[in-house]
PDB file of N, CA and C in Angstrom:
ATOM      1  N   MET A   1     -24.554 -25.376 -50.741  1.00  0.00           N
ATOM      2  CA  MET A   1     -24.646 -26.773 -50.409  1.00  0.00           C
ATOM      3  C   MET A   1     -23.256 -27.282 -50.056  1.00  0.00           C
ATOM      4  N   LYS A   2     -23.139 -27.943 -48.915  1.00  0.00           N
ATOM      5  CA  LYS A   2     -21.864 -28.492 -48.492  1.00  0.00           C
ATOM      6  C   LYS A   2     -21.897 -30.008 -48.623  1.00  0.00           C
ATOM      7  N   LEU A   3     -20.827 -30.542 -49.170  1.00  0.00           N
ATOM      8  CA  LEU A   3     -20.710 -31.981 -49.334  1.00  0.00           C
ATOM      9  C   LEU A   3     -19.592 -32.488 -48.439  1.00  0.00           C
ATOM     10  N   THR A   4     -19.844 -33.579 -47.777  1.00  0.00           N
ATOM     11  CA  THR A   4     -18.784 -34.255 -47.050  1.00  0.00           C
ATOM     12  C   THR A   4     -18.415 -35.502 -47.815  1.00  0.00           C
ATOM     13  N   MET A   5     -17.377 -36.163 -47.389  1.00  0.00           N
ATOM     14  CA  MET A   5     -16.927 -37.347 -48.111  1.00  0.00           C
ATOM     15  C   MET A   5     -17.980 -38.436 -48.129  1.00  0.00           C
ATOM     16  N   LYS A   6     -18.860 -38.440 -47.152  1.00  0.00           N
ATOM     17  CA  LYS A   6     -19.814 -39.532 -47.035  1.00  0.00           C
ATOM     18  C   LYS A   6     -21.032 -39.379 -47.939  1.00  0.00           C
ATOM     19  N   ASN A   7     -21.328 -38.163 -48.401  1.00  0.00           N
ATOM     20  CA  ASN A   7     -22.524 -38.015 -49.227  1.00  0.00           C
ATOM     21  C   ASN A   7     -22.219 -37.574 -50.657  1.00  0.00           C
ATOM     22  N   VAL A   8     -21.020 -37.851 -51.138  1.00  0.00           N
ATOM     23  CA  VAL A   8     -20.681 -37.587 -52.532  1.00  0.00           C
ATOM     24  C   VAL A   8     -20.857 -38.894 -53.302  1.00  0.00           C
ATOM     25  N   ARG A   9     -21.766 -38.900 -54.261  1.00  0.00           N
ATOM     26  CA  ARG A   9     -21.982 -40.125 -55.025  1.00  0.00           C
ATOM     27  C   ARG A   9     -21.284 -40.000 -56.378  1.00  0.00           C
ATOM     28  N   VAL A  10     -21.096 -41.124 -57.028  1.00  0.00           N
ATOM     29  CA  VAL A  10     -20.426 -41.149 -58.325  1.00  0.00           C
ATOM     30  C   VAL A  10     -21.439 -40.826 -59.401  1.00  0.00           C
ATOM     31  N   PHE A  11     -21.105 -39.858 -60.235  1.00  0.00           N
ATOM     32  CA  PHE A  11     -21.949 -39.440 -61.346  1.00  0.00           C
ATOM     33  C   PHE A  11     -21.351 -39.970 -62.642  1.00  0.00           C
ATOM     34  N   SER A  12     -22.180 -40.052 -63.667  1.00  0.00           N
ATOM     35  CA  SER A  12     -21.639 -40.362 -64.986  1.00  0.00           C
ATOM     36  C   SER A  12     -21.013 -39.075 -65.539  1.00  0.00           C
ATOM     37  N   ILE A  13     -20.249 -39.197 -66.598  1.00  0.00           N
ATOM     38  CA  ILE A  13     -19.564 -38.028 -67.164  1.00  0.00           C
ATOM     39  C   ILE A  13     -20.566 -36.962 -67.627  1.00  0.00           C
ATOM     40  N   PRO A  14     -21.658 -37.313 -68.331  1.00  0.00           N
ATOM     41  CA  PRO A  14     -22.633 -36.270 -68.697  1.00  0.00           C
ATOM     42  C   PRO A  14     -23.287 -35.624 -67.474  1.00  0.00           C
ATOM     43  N   GLU A  15     -23.522 -36.417 -66.428  1.00  0.00           N
ATOM     44  CA  GLU A  15     -24.078 -35.837 -65.195  1.00  0.00           C
ATOM     45  C   GLU A  15     -23.084 -34.880 -64.545  1.00  0.00           C
ATOM     46  N   LEU A  16     -21.802 -35.222 -64.607  1.00  0.00           N
ATOM     47  CA  LEU A  16     -20.777 -34.325 -64.068  1.00  0.00           C
ATOM     48  C   LEU A  16     -20.771 -33.001 -64.814  1.00  0.00           C
ATOM     49  N   GLU A  17     -20.898 -33.065 -66.146  1.00  0.00           N
ATOM     50  CA  GLU A  17     -20.929 -31.833 -66.933  1.00  0.00           C
ATOM     51  C   GLU A  17     -22.101 -30.949 -66.525  1.00  0.00           C
ATOM     52  N   GLN A  18     -23.270 -31.554 -66.317  1.00  0.00           N
ATOM     53  CA  GLN A  18     -24.436 -30.790 -65.879  1.00  0.00           C
ATOM     54  C   GLN A  18     -24.231 -30.229 -64.485  1.00  0.00           C
ATOM     55  N   LEU A  19     -23.656 -31.025 -63.605  1.00  0.00           N
ATOM     56  CA  LEU A  19     -23.400 -30.586 -62.245  1.00  0.00           C
ATOM     57  C   LEU A  19     -22.461 -29.384 -62.225  1.00  0.00           C
ATOM     58  N   LEU A  20     -21.411 -29.440 -63.027  1.00  0.00           N
ATOM     59  CA  LEU A  20     -20.453 -28.340 -63.077  1.00  0.00           C
ATOM     60  C   LEU A  20     -21.065 -27.081 -63.681  1.00  0.00           C
ATOM     61  N   ALA A  21     -21.979 -27.259 -64.649  1.00  0.00           N
ATOM     62  CA  ALA A  21     -22.602 -26.111 -65.296  1.00  0.00           C
ATOM     63  C   ALA A  21     -23.624 -25.431 -64.387  1.00  0.00           C
ATOM     64  N   THR A  22     -24.280 -26.198 -63.533  1.00  0.00           N
ATOM     65  CA  THR A  22     -25.365 -25.623 -62.737  1.00  0.00           C
ATOM     66  C   THR A  22     -24.995 -25.324 -61.293  1.00  0.00           C
ATOM     67  N   SER A  23     -23.921 -25.890 -60.781  1.00  0.00           N
ATOM     68  CA  SER A  23     -23.613 -25.710 -59.356  1.00  0.00           C
ATOM     69  C   SER A  23     -22.730 -24.489 -59.147  1.00  0.00           C
ATOM     70  N   LYS A  24     -23.248 -23.557 -58.376  1.00  0.00           N
ATOM     71  CA  LYS A  24     -22.463 -22.367 -58.056  1.00  0.00           C
ATOM     72  C   LYS A  24     -22.053 -22.374 -56.598  1.00  0.00           C
ATOM     73  N   GLY A  25     -22.931 -22.795 -55.696  1.00  0.00           N
ATOM     74  CA  GLY A  25     -22.636 -22.757 -54.281  1.00  0.00           C
ATOM     75  C   GLY A  25     -22.201 -24.104 -53.725  1.00  0.00           C
ATOM     76  N   LEU A  26     -21.633 -24.933 -54.567  1.00  0.00           N
ATOM     77  CA  LEU A  26     -21.238 -26.269 -54.147  1.00  0.00           C
ATOM     78  C   LEU A  26     -19.829 -26.216 -53.578  1.00  0.00           C
ATOM     79  N   GLU A  27     -19.644 -26.776 -52.388  1.00  0.00           N
ATOM     80  CA  GLU A  27     -18.306 -26.838 -51.816  1.00  0.00           C
ATOM     81  C   GLU A  27     -18.116 -28.145 -51.077  1.00  0.00           C
ATOM     82  N   PHE A  28     -16.878 -28.494 -50.892  1.00  0.00           N
ATOM     83  CA  PHE A  28     -16.489 -29.765 -50.301  1.00  0.00           C
ATOM     84  C   PHE A  28     -15.882 -29.472 -48.939  1.00  0.00           C
ATOM     85  N   VAL A  29     -16.323 -30.186 -47.914  1.00  0.00           N
ATOM     86  CA  VAL A  29     -15.808 -29.971 -46.573  1.00  0.00           C
ATOM     87  C   VAL A  29     -15.000 -31.195 -46.167  1.00  0.00           C
ATOM     88  N   ALA A  30     -13.736 -30.971 -45.883  1.00  0.00           N
ATOM     89  CA  ALA A  30     -12.862 -32.059 -45.452  1.00  0.00           C
ATOM     90  C   ALA A  30     -12.148 -31.634 -44.184  1.00  0.00           C
ATOM     91  N   GLU A  31     -11.849 -32.600 -43.340  1.00  0.00           N
ATOM     92  CA  GLU A  31     -11.202 -32.296 -42.077  1.00  0.00           C
ATOM     93  C   GLU A  31      -9.718 -32.012 -42.237  1.00  0.00           C
ATOM     94  N   ASP A  32      -9.050 -32.733 -43.116  1.00  0.00           N
ATOM     95  CA  ASP A  32      -7.624 -32.513 -43.304  1.00  0.00           C
ATOM     96  C   ASP A  32      -7.213 -32.893 -44.721  1.00  0.00           C
ATOM     97  N   THR A  33      -5.951 -32.630 -45.037  1.00  0.00           N
ATOM     98  CA  THR A  33      -5.439 -32.878 -46.371  1.00  0.00           C
ATOM     99  C   THR A  33      -5.458 -34.356 -46.720  1.00  0.00           C
ATOM    100  N   ALA A  34      -5.200 -35.213 -45.753  1.00  0.00           N
ATOM    101  CA  ALA A  34      -5.196 -36.653 -46.016  1.00  0.00           C
ATOM    102  C   ALA A  34      -6.569 -37.115 -46.500  1.00  0.00           C
ATOM    103  N   GLU A  35      -7.620 -36.547 -45.942  1.00  0.00           N
ATOM    104  CA  GLU A  35      -8.974 -36.907 -46.368  1.00  0.00           C
ATOM    105  C   GLU A  35      -9.236 -36.447 -47.802  1.00  0.00           C
ATOM    106  N   VAL A  36      -8.768 -35.268 -48.147  1.00  0.00           N
ATOM    107  CA  VAL A  36      -8.940 -34.757 -49.506  1.00  0.00           C
ATOM    108  C   VAL A  36      -8.168 -35.631 -50.489  1.00  0.00           C
ATOM    109  N   TYR A  37      -6.931 -35.980 -50.148  1.00  0.00           N
ATOM    110  CA  TYR A  37      -6.122 -36.822 -51.027  1.00  0.00           C
ATOM    111  C   TYR A  37      -6.771 -38.189 -51.217  1.00  0.00           C
ATOM    112  N   ALA A  38      -7.323 -38.744 -50.151  1.00  0.00           N
ATOM    113  CA  ALA A  38      -8.005 -40.044 -50.257  1.00  0.00           C
ATOM    114  C   ALA A  38      -9.229 -39.926 -51.154  1.00  0.00           C
ATOM    115  N   TRP A  39      -9.969 -38.814 -51.044  1.00  0.00           N
ATOM    116  CA  TRP A  39     -11.141 -38.611 -51.890  1.00  0.00           C
ATOM    117  C   TRP A  39     -10.738 -38.479 -53.356  1.00  0.00           C
ATOM    118  N   ILE A  40      -9.662 -37.725 -53.616  1.00  0.00           N
ATOM    119  CA  ILE A  40      -9.191 -37.558 -54.997  1.00  0.00           C
ATOM    120  C   ILE A  40      -8.778 -38.905 -55.572  1.00  0.00           C
ATOM    121  N   ALA A  41      -8.015 -39.695 -54.816  1.00  0.00           N
ATOM    122  CA  ALA A  41      -7.573 -41.008 -55.297  1.00  0.00           C
ATOM    123  C   ALA A  41      -8.768 -41.922 -55.560  1.00  0.00           C
ATOM    124  N   GLY A  42      -9.761 -41.892 -54.672  1.00  0.00           N
ATOM    125  CA  GLY A  42     -10.955 -42.705 -54.876  1.00  0.00           C
ATOM    126  C   GLY A  42     -11.760 -42.268 -56.080  1.00  0.00           C
ATOM    127  N   THR A  43     -11.825 -40.964 -56.296  1.00  0.00           N
ATOM    128  CA  THR A  43     -12.547 -40.429 -57.451  1.00  0.00           C
ATOM    129  C   THR A  43     -11.863 -40.842 -58.752  1.00  0.00           C
ATOM    130  N   LEU A  44     -10.549 -40.703 -58.799  1.00  0.00           N
ATOM    131  CA  LEU A  44      -9.807 -41.078 -60.007  1.00  0.00           C
ATOM    132  C   LEU A  44      -9.944 -42.568 -60.294  1.00  0.00           C
ATOM    133  N   LYS A  45      -9.881 -43.383 -59.252  1.00  0.00           N
ATOM    134  CA  LYS A  45     -10.027 -44.824 -59.427  1.00  0.00           C
ATOM    135  C   LYS A  45     -11.453 -45.175 -59.839  1.00  0.00           C
ATOM    136  N   GLY A  46     -12.437 -44.503 -59.237  1.00  0.00           N
ATOM    137  CA  GLY A  46     -13.835 -44.785 -59.537  1.00  0.00           C
ATOM    138  C   GLY A  46     -14.215 -44.477 -60.977  1.00  0.00           C
ATOM    139  N   TYR A  47     -13.620 -43.426 -61.524  1.00  0.00           N
ATOM    140  CA  TYR A  47     -13.918 -43.068 -62.911  1.00  0.00           C
ATOM    141  C   TYR A  47     -13.005 -43.772 -63.905  1.00  0.00           C
ATOM    142  N   GLY A  48     -12.029 -44.523 -63.433  1.00  0.00           N
ATOM    143  CA  GLY A  48     -11.094 -45.182 -64.353  1.00  0.00           C
ATOM    144  C   GLY A  48     -10.339 -44.146 -65.153  1.00  0.00           C
ATOM    145  N   TYR A  49      -9.739 -43.199 -64.451  1.00  0.00           N
ATOM    146  CA  TYR A  49      -9.132 -42.021 -65.077  1.00  0.00           C
ATOM    147  C   TYR A  49      -8.164 -42.391 -66.202  1.00  0.00           C
ATOM    148  N   ARG A  50      -7.399 -43.443 -66.047  1.00  0.00           N
ATOM    149  CA  ARG A  50      -6.404 -43.801 -67.061  1.00  0.00           C
ATOM    150  C   ARG A  50      -7.028 -44.201 -68.384  1.00  0.00           C
ATOM    151  N   LYS A  51      -8.252 -44.702 -68.362  1.00  0.00           N
ATOM    152  CA  LYS A  51      -8.902 -45.175 -69.577  1.00  0.00           C
ATOM    153  C   LYS A  51      -9.825 -44.130 -70.207  1.00  0.00           C
ATOM    154  N   LEU A  52      -9.989 -42.985 -69.566  1.00  0.00           N
ATOM    155  CA  LEU A  52     -10.889 -41.961 -70.087  1.00  0.00           C
ATOM    156  C   LEU A  52     -10.277 -41.254 -71.289  1.00  0.00           C
ATOM    157  N   ARG A  53     -11.150 -40.706 -72.130  1.00  0.00           N
ATOM    158  CA  ARG A  53     -10.690 -39.897 -73.247  1.00  0.00           C
ATOM    159  C   ARG A  53     -10.355 -38.499 -72.746  1.00  0.00           C
ATOM    160  N   LYS A  54      -9.747 -37.694 -73.594  1.00  0.00           N
ATOM    161  CA  LYS A  54      -9.233 -36.385 -73.184  1.00  0.00           C
ATOM    162  C   LYS A  54     -10.343 -35.479 -72.648  1.00  0.00           C
ATOM    163  N   HIS A  55     -11.468 -35.410 -73.327  1.00  0.00           N
ATOM    164  CA  HIS A  55     -12.573 -34.556 -72.880  1.00  0.00           C
ATOM    165  C   HIS A  55     -13.100 -35.030 -71.528  1.00  0.00           C
ATOM    166  N   GLU A  56     -13.224 -36.332 -71.374  1.00  0.00           N
ATOM    167  CA  GLU A  56     -13.739 -36.881 -70.122  1.00  0.00           C
ATOM    168  C   GLU A  56     -12.772 -36.617 -68.973  1.00  0.00           C
ATOM    169  N   ARG A  57     -11.479 -36.690 -69.256  1.00  0.00           N
ATOM    170  CA  ARG A  57     -10.485 -36.361 -68.230  1.00  0.00           C
ATOM    171  C   ARG A  57     -10.607 -34.911 -67.798  1.00  0.00           C
ATOM    172  N   GLY A  58     -10.855 -34.045 -68.755  1.00  0.00           N
ATOM    173  CA  GLY A  58     -11.034 -32.630 -68.434  1.00  0.00           C
ATOM    174  C   GLY A  58     -12.227 -32.403 -67.531  1.00  0.00           C
ATOM    175  N   VAL A  59     -13.295 -33.145 -67.742  1.00  0.00           N
ATOM    176  CA  VAL A  59     -14.489 -33.024 -66.905  1.00  0.00           C
ATOM    177  C   VAL A  59     -14.180 -33.504 -65.485  1.00  0.00           C
ATOM    178  N   VAL A  60     -13.456 -34.610 -65.365  1.00  0.00           N
ATOM    179  CA  VAL A  60     -13.102 -35.129 -64.042  1.00  0.00           C
ATOM    180  C   VAL A  60     -12.176 -34.153 -63.321  1.00  0.00           C
ATOM    181  N   ILE A  61     -11.227 -33.562 -64.038  1.00  0.00           N
ATOM    182  CA  ILE A  61     -10.335 -32.566 -63.438  1.00  0.00           C
ATOM    183  C   ILE A  61     -11.133 -31.364 -62.951  1.00  0.00           C
ATOM    184  N   ALA A  62     -12.076 -30.894 -63.759  1.00  0.00           N
ATOM    185  CA  ALA A  62     -12.904 -29.755 -63.362  1.00  0.00           C
ATOM    186  C   ALA A  62     -13.742 -30.088 -62.134  1.00  0.00           C
ATOM    187  N   TYR A  63     -14.238 -31.300 -62.058  1.00  0.00           N
ATOM    188  CA  TYR A  63     -15.029 -31.751 -60.907  1.00  0.00           C
ATOM    189  C   TYR A  63     -14.174 -31.752 -59.637  1.00  0.00           C
ATOM    190  N   ILE A  64     -12.963 -32.288 -59.739  1.00  0.00           N
ATOM    191  CA  ILE A  64     -12.070 -32.312 -58.578  1.00  0.00           C
ATOM    192  C   ILE A  64     -11.708 -30.890 -58.159  1.00  0.00           C
ATOM    193  N   ARG A  65     -11.424 -30.039 -59.118  1.00  0.00           N
ATOM    194  CA  ARG A  65     -11.086 -28.642 -58.801  1.00  0.00           C
ATOM    195  C   ARG A  65     -12.249 -27.936 -58.130  1.00  0.00           C
ATOM    196  N   LYS A  66     -13.452 -28.177 -58.614  1.00  0.00           N
ATOM    197  CA  LYS A  66     -14.637 -27.519 -58.084  1.00  0.00           C
ATOM    198  C   LYS A  66     -14.863 -27.892 -56.619  1.00  0.00           C
ATOM    199  N   LEU A  67     -14.721 -29.167 -56.310  1.00  0.00           N
ATOM    200  CA  LEU A  67     -15.026 -29.608 -54.958  1.00  0.00           C
ATOM    201  C   LEU A  67     -13.894 -29.367 -53.971  1.00  0.00           C
ATOM    202  N   THR A  68     -12.644 -29.416 -54.436  1.00  0.00           N
ATOM    203  CA  THR A  68     -11.533 -29.230 -53.502  1.00  0.00           C
ATOM    204  C   THR A  68     -11.084 -27.784 -53.391  1.00  0.00           C
ATOM    205  N   GLY A  69     -11.302 -27.013 -54.438  1.00  0.00           N
ATOM    206  CA  GLY A  69     -10.829 -25.634 -54.434  1.00  0.00           C
ATOM    207  C   GLY A  69      -9.357 -25.525 -54.794  1.00  0.00           C
ATOM    208  N   TYR A  70      -8.741 -26.616 -55.226  1.00  0.00           N
ATOM    209  CA  TYR A  70      -7.330 -26.594 -55.607  1.00  0.00           C
ATOM    210  C   TYR A  70      -7.171 -25.940 -56.970  1.00  0.00           C
ATOM    211  N   SER A  71      -5.996 -25.383 -57.221  1.00  0.00           N
ATOM    212  CA  SER A  71      -5.701 -24.774 -58.509  1.00  0.00           C
ATOM    213  C   SER A  71      -5.460 -25.859 -59.555  1.00  0.00           C
ATOM    214  N   LEU A  72      -5.481 -25.455 -60.816  1.00  0.00           N
ATOM    215  CA  LEU A  72      -5.258 -26.411 -61.901  1.00  0.00           C
ATOM    216  C   LEU A  72      -3.876 -27.047 -61.829  1.00  0.00           C
ATOM    217  N   PRO A  73      -2.796 -26.270 -61.612  1.00  0.00           N
ATOM    218  CA  PRO A  73      -1.481 -26.925 -61.527  1.00  0.00           C
ATOM    219  C   PRO A  73      -1.385 -27.927 -60.374  1.00  0.00           C
ATOM    220  N   GLN A  74      -1.944 -27.580 -59.215  1.00  0.00           N
ATOM    221  CA  GLN A  74      -1.866 -28.517 -58.095  1.00  0.00           C
ATOM    222  C   GLN A  74      -2.697 -29.766 -58.367  1.00  0.00           C
ATOM    223  N   THR A  75      -3.863 -29.594 -58.965  1.00  0.00           N
ATOM    224  CA  THR A  75      -4.707 -30.742 -59.293  1.00  0.00           C
ATOM    225  C   THR A  75      -4.002 -31.662 -60.280  1.00  0.00           C
ATOM    226  N   LYS A  76      -3.392 -31.090 -61.315  1.00  0.00           N
ATOM    227  CA  LYS A  76      -2.692 -31.914 -62.296  1.00  0.00           C
ATOM    228  C   LYS A  76      -1.467 -32.586 -61.684  1.00  0.00           C
ATOM    229  N   ARG A  77      -0.791 -31.901 -60.773  1.00  0.00           N
ATOM    230  CA  ARG A  77       0.361 -32.493 -60.098  1.00  0.00           C
ATOM    231  C   ARG A  77      -0.066 -33.699 -59.259  1.00  0.00           C
ATOM    232  N   LEU A  78      -1.171 -33.558 -58.533  1.00  0.00           N
ATOM    233  CA  LEU A  78      -1.671 -34.665 -57.728  1.00  0.00           C
ATOM    234  C   LEU A  78      -2.135 -35.826 -58.595  1.00  0.00           C
ATOM    235  N   ILE A  79      -2.801 -35.509 -59.700  1.00  0.00           N
ATOM    236  CA  ILE A  79      -3.259 -36.564 -60.609  1.00  0.00           C
ATOM    237  C   ILE A  79      -2.061 -37.272 -61.226  1.00  0.00           C
ATOM    238  N   GLY A  80      -1.026 -36.520 -61.606  1.00  0.00           N
ATOM    239  CA  GLY A  80       0.185 -37.135 -62.152  1.00  0.00           C
ATOM    240  C   GLY A  80       0.847 -38.063 -61.153  1.00  0.00           C
ATOM    241  N   ARG A  81       0.867 -37.653 -59.891  1.00  0.00           N
ATOM    242  CA  ARG A  81       1.447 -38.506 -58.855  1.00  0.00           C
ATOM    243  C   ARG A  81       0.604 -39.764 -58.671  1.00  0.00           C
ATOM    244  N   TRP A  82      -0.725 -39.606 -58.750  1.00  0.00           N
ATOM    245  CA  TRP A  82      -1.603 -40.777 -58.619  1.00  0.00           C
ATOM    246  C   TRP A  82      -1.426 -41.734 -59.798  1.00  0.00           C
ATOM    247  N   VAL A  83      -1.273 -41.184 -61.003  1.00  0.00           N
ATOM    248  CA  VAL A  83      -1.110 -42.036 -62.185  1.00  0.00           C
ATOM    249  C   VAL A  83       0.177 -42.853 -62.078  1.00  0.00           C
ATOM    250  N   GLN A  84       1.232 -42.276 -61.523  1.00  0.00           N
ATOM    251  CA  GLN A  84       2.500 -42.994 -61.395  1.00  0.00           C
ATOM    252  C   GLN A  84       2.468 -44.054 -60.300  1.00  0.00           C
ATOM    253  N   THR A  85       1.862 -43.722 -59.147  1.00  0.00           N
ATOM    254  CA  THR A  85       1.976 -44.609 -57.989  1.00  0.00           C
ATOM    255  C   THR A  85       0.652 -45.207 -57.525  1.00  0.00           C
ATOM    256  N   THR A  86      -0.471 -44.743 -58.015  1.00  0.00           N
ATOM    257  CA  THR A  86      -1.831 -45.093 -57.584  1.00  0.00           C
ATOM    258  C   THR A  86      -2.053 -44.827 -56.098  1.00  0.00           C
ATOM    259  N   LYS A  87      -1.236 -43.946 -55.518  1.00  0.00           N
ATOM    260  CA  LYS A  87      -1.413 -43.537 -54.126  1.00  0.00           C
ATOM    261  C   LYS A  87      -1.228 -42.031 -54.041  1.00  0.00           C
ATOM    262  N   LEU A  88      -1.923 -41.430 -53.110  1.00  0.00           N
ATOM    263  CA  LEU A  88      -1.727 -40.009 -52.844  1.00  0.00           C
ATOM    264  C   LEU A  88      -1.484 -39.841 -51.353  1.00  0.00           C
ATOM    265  N   GLN A  89      -0.308 -39.379 -51.007  1.00  0.00           N
ATOM    266  CA  GLN A  89       0.024 -39.090 -49.628  1.00  0.00           C
ATOM    267  C   GLN A  89       0.803 -37.797 -49.597  1.00  0.00           C
ATOM    268  N   ARG A  90       0.686 -37.092 -48.481  1.00  0.00           N
ATOM    269  CA  ARG A  90       1.462 -35.869 -48.339  1.00  0.00           C
ATOM    270  C   ARG A  90       2.935 -36.207 -48.264  1.00  0.00           C
ATOM    271  N   LYS A  91       3.727 -35.410 -48.933  1.00  0.00           N
ATOM    272  CA  LYS A  91       5.168 -35.589 -48.847  1.00  0.00           C
ATOM    273  C   LYS A  91       5.647 -34.967 -47.545  1.00  0.00           C
ATOM    274  N   THR A  92       6.609 -35.618 -46.930  1.00  0.00           N
ATOM    275  CA  THR A  92       7.177 -35.041 -45.710  1.00  0.00           C
ATOM    276  C   THR A  92       8.161 -33.944 -46.088  1.00  0.00           C
ATOM    277  N   TYR A  93       8.208 -32.923 -45.267  1.00  0.00           N
ATOM    278  CA  TYR A  93       9.096 -31.797 -45.532  1.00  0.00           C
ATOM    279  C   TYR A  93      10.521 -32.188 -45.182  1.00  0.00           C
ATOM    280  N   GLU A  94      11.428 -31.965 -46.107  1.00  0.00           N
ATOM    281  CA  GLU A  94      12.829 -32.257 -45.868  1.00  0.00           C
ATOM    282  C   GLU A  94      13.624 -30.977 -46.057  1.00  0.00           C
ATOM    283  N   ARG A  95      14.192 -30.511 -44.970  1.00  0.00           N
ATOM    284  CA  ARG A  95      14.983 -29.277 -45.016  1.00  0.00           C
ATOM    285  C   ARG A  95      16.356 -29.577 -45.609  1.00  0.00           C
ATOM    286  N   HIS A  96      16.804 -28.705 -46.479  1.00  0.00           N
ATOM    287  CA  HIS A  96      18.129 -28.840 -47.059  1.00  0.00           C
ATOM    288  C   HIS A  96      19.153 -28.268 -46.084  1.00  0.00           C
ATOM    289  N   HIS A  97      20.192 -29.021 -45.824  1.00  0.00           N
ATOM    290  CA  HIS A  97      21.253 -28.569 -44.941  1.00  0.00           C
ATOM    291  C   HIS A  97      22.523 -28.380 -45.753  1.00  0.00           C
ATOM    292  N   PHE A  98      23.063 -27.162 -45.709  1.00  0.00           N
ATOM    293  CA  PHE A  98      24.320 -26.908 -46.390  1.00  0.00           C
ATOM    294  C   PHE A  98      25.467 -27.441 -45.554  1.00  0.00           C
ATOM    295  N   ASN A  99      26.526 -27.850 -46.208  1.00  0.00           N
ATOM    296  CA  ASN A  99      27.717 -28.274 -45.493  1.00  0.00           C
ATOM    297  C   ASN A  99      28.378 -27.061 -44.854  1.00  0.00           C
ATOM    298  N   GLY A 100      28.981 -27.267 -43.723  1.00  0.00           N
ATOM    299  CA  GLY A 100      29.683 -26.167 -43.062  1.00  0.00           C
ATOM    300  C   GLY A 100      30.907 -25.752 -43.862  1.00  0.00           C
ATOM    301  N   MET A 101      31.306 -24.511 -43.677  1.00  0.00           N
ATOM    302  CA  MET A 101      32.464 -24.014 -44.412  1.00  0.00           C
ATOM    303  C   MET A 101      33.747 -24.646 -43.865  1.00  0.00           C
ATOM    304  N   TYR A 102      33.752 -24.848 -42.569  1.00  0.00           N
ATOM    305  CA  TYR A 102      34.919 -25.435 -41.927  1.00  0.00           C
ATOM    306  C   TYR A 102      34.506 -26.717 -41.217  1.00  0.00           C
ATOM    307  N   SER A 103      35.416 -27.641 -41.098  1.00  0.00           N
ATOM    308  CA  SER A 103      35.129 -28.856 -40.348  1.00  0.00           C
ATOM    309  C   SER A 103      35.647 -28.726 -38.933  1.00  0.00           C
ATOM    310  N   ARG A 104      35.327 -29.648 -38.082  1.00  0.00           N
ATOM    311  CA  ARG A 104      35.788 -29.615 -36.690  1.00  0.00           C
ATOM    312  C   ARG A 104      37.306 -29.777 -36.630  1.00  0.00           C
ATOM    313  N   ALA A 105      37.871 -30.458 -37.602  1.00  0.00           N
ATOM    314  CA  ALA A 105      39.333 -30.652 -37.615  1.00  0.00           C
ATOM    315  C   ALA A 105      40.090 -29.350 -37.858  1.00  0.00           C
ATOM    316  N   ASP A 106      39.421 -28.369 -38.433  1.00  0.00           N
ATOM    317  CA  ASP A 106      40.082 -27.093 -38.678  1.00  0.00           C
ATOM    318  C   ASP A 106      40.299 -26.300 -37.415  1.00  0.00           C
ATOM    319  N   GLY A 107      39.599 -26.661 -36.332  1.00  0.00           N
ATOM    320  CA  GLY A 107      39.792 -25.992 -35.064  1.00  0.00           C
ATOM    321  C   GLY A 107      39.075 -24.659 -34.930  1.00  0.00           C
ATOM    322  N   CYS A 108      38.093 -24.426 -35.710  1.00  0.00           N
ATOM    323  CA  CYS A 108      37.364 -23.149 -35.614  1.00  0.00           C
ATOM    324  C   CYS A 108      36.180 -23.213 -34.706  1.00  0.00           C
TER     325      CYS A 108
END
């Protein structure tokens, strides 16, 4: 069964537990990373992630992992970023540039 962003409904925590226990062929189809990040942010906001108890948070994390296919460290990193800023956006790549050994004044 494939789910797109438009046909994923909000479940209660006990329903999520049942869904995770019984769903084997469930996968999430997204066009790009921005769509996945928006879905994760909406899911966390919809469940009131900050107010959930520890067990309930674990169920929500498992649900996000199941549908996105992300690893546990990446999922927790994204959730941590959402908790701090309430936004999820891709970080832009910034290449590190080392200083040159010599300056132009050295004449090399």
